[in-house]
C-alpha atoms as a PDB file:
ATOM      1  CA  MET A   1       1.230  27.153  19.208  1.00  0.00           C
ATOM      2  CA  LEU A   2       4.294  28.851  17.737  1.00  0.00           C
ATOM      3  CA  ASN A   3       6.538  26.685  19.901  1.00  0.00           C
ATOM      4  CA  TYR A   4       4.822  23.571  18.548  1.00  0.00           C
ATOM      5  CA  PHE A   5       5.528  24.534  14.932  1.00  0.00           C
ATOM      6  CA  GLN A   6       9.128  25.371  15.767  1.00  0.00           C
ATOM      7  CA  ASP A   7       9.540  21.930  17.334  1.00  0.00           C
ATOM      8  CA  VAL A   8       7.951  20.267  14.316  1.00  0.00           C
ATOM      9  CA  ARG A   9      10.273  22.161  11.984  1.00  0.00           C
ATOM     10  CA  ALA A  10      13.305  21.145  14.051  1.00  0.00           C
ATOM     11  CA  GLU A  11      12.240  17.482  14.016  1.00  0.00           C
ATOM     12  CA  MET A  12      11.619  17.522  10.266  1.00  0.00           C
ATOM     13  CA  LYS A  13      15.291  18.417   9.772  1.00  0.00           C
ATOM     14  CA  HIS A  14      16.209  15.090  11.415  1.00  0.00           C
ATOM     15  CA  VAL A  15      14.040  13.027   9.067  1.00  0.00           C
ATOM     16  CA  SER A  16      15.883  10.867   6.556  1.00  0.00           C
ATOM     17  CA  TRP A  17      13.832  11.217   3.376  1.00  0.00           C
ATOM     18  CA  PRO A  18      14.078   8.473   0.732  1.00  0.00           C
ATOM     19  CA  SER A  19      15.485   9.271  -2.678  1.00  0.00           C
ATOM     20  CA  ARG A  20      13.217   9.709  -5.680  1.00  0.00           C
ATOM     21  CA  ARG A  21      14.353   6.352  -7.090  1.00  0.00           C
ATOM     22  CA  THR A  22      13.619   4.539  -3.821  1.00  0.00           C
ATOM     23  CA  THR A  23      10.186   6.134  -3.592  1.00  0.00           C
ATOM     24  CA  ILE A  24       9.340   5.055  -7.148  1.00  0.00           C
ATOM     25  CA  ILE A  25      10.544   1.481  -6.520  1.00  0.00           C
ATOM     26  CA  TYR A  26       8.535   1.188  -3.296  1.00  0.00           C
ATOM     27  CA  THR A  27       5.461   2.588  -5.041  1.00  0.00           C
ATOM     28  CA  ILE A  28       5.777   0.007  -7.813  1.00  0.00           C
ATOM     29  CA  VAL A  29       6.164  -2.775  -5.240  1.00  0.00           C
ATOM     30  CA  VAL A  30       3.041  -1.654  -3.364  1.00  0.00           C
ATOM     31  CA  VAL A  31       0.983  -1.434  -6.578  1.00  0.00           C
ATOM     32  CA  ALA A  32       2.218  -4.860  -7.745  1.00  0.00           C
ATOM     33  CA  ILE A  33       1.399  -6.525  -4.421  1.00  0.00           C
ATOM     34  CA  SER A  34      -2.019  -4.843  -4.371  1.00  0.00           C
ATOM     35  CA  LEU A  35      -2.791  -6.069  -7.893  1.00  0.00           C
ATOM     36  CA  ALA A  36      -1.583  -9.593  -7.095  1.00  0.00           C
ATOM     37  CA  THR A  37      -3.750  -9.681  -3.973  1.00  0.00           C
ATOM     38  CA  ALA A  38      -6.772  -8.384  -5.899  1.00  0.00           C
ATOM     39  CA  ILE A  39      -6.331 -11.008  -8.619  1.00  0.00           C
ATOM     40  CA  TYR A  40      -5.857 -13.788  -6.050  1.00  0.00           C
ATOM     41  CA  LEU A  41      -8.964 -12.792  -4.090  1.00  0.00           C
ATOM     42  CA  GLY A  42     -10.950 -12.330  -7.301  1.00  0.00           C
ATOM     43  CA  LEU A  43     -10.042 -15.818  -8.462  1.00  0.00           C
ATOM     44  CA  LEU A  44     -10.944 -17.316  -5.096  1.00  0.00           C
ATOM     45  CA  ASP A  45     -14.283 -15.511  -5.190  1.00  0.00           C
ATOM     46  CA  TYR A  46     -14.955 -16.778  -8.706  1.00  0.00           C
ATOM     47  CA  VAL A  47     -14.075 -20.380  -7.803  1.00  0.00           C
ATOM     48  CA  PHE A  48     -16.133 -20.382  -4.610  1.00  0.00           C
ATOM     49  CA  SER A  49     -19.104 -18.771  -6.396  1.00  0.00           C
ATOM     50  CA  PHE A  50     -18.867 -21.349  -9.174  1.00  0.00           C
ATOM     51  CA  VAL A  51     -18.758 -24.221  -6.676  1.00  0.00           C
ATOM     52  CA  ILE A  52     -21.659 -22.870  -4.601  1.00  0.00           C
ATOM     53  CA  LYS A  53     -23.821 -22.342  -7.713  1.00  0.00           C
ATOM     54  CA  HIS A  54     -23.258 -25.922  -8.806  1.00  0.00           C
ATOM     55  CA  ILE A  55     -23.974 -27.317  -5.352  1.00  0.00           C
ATOM     56  CA  ILE A  56     -27.233 -25.372  -5.077  1.00  0.00           C
END
């Protein structure tokens, strides 16, 4: 088990971590895309519900 954690620690030194600015930008992009997708799907749901109610 100790060998495993030593290997993990050694591998973590090879990881290229993003800068704080990059992390913030990527987070904003993910939130924006998620909101856009939610709005798009919400509008589609509203339109389809409206159409179905008027057909029935």
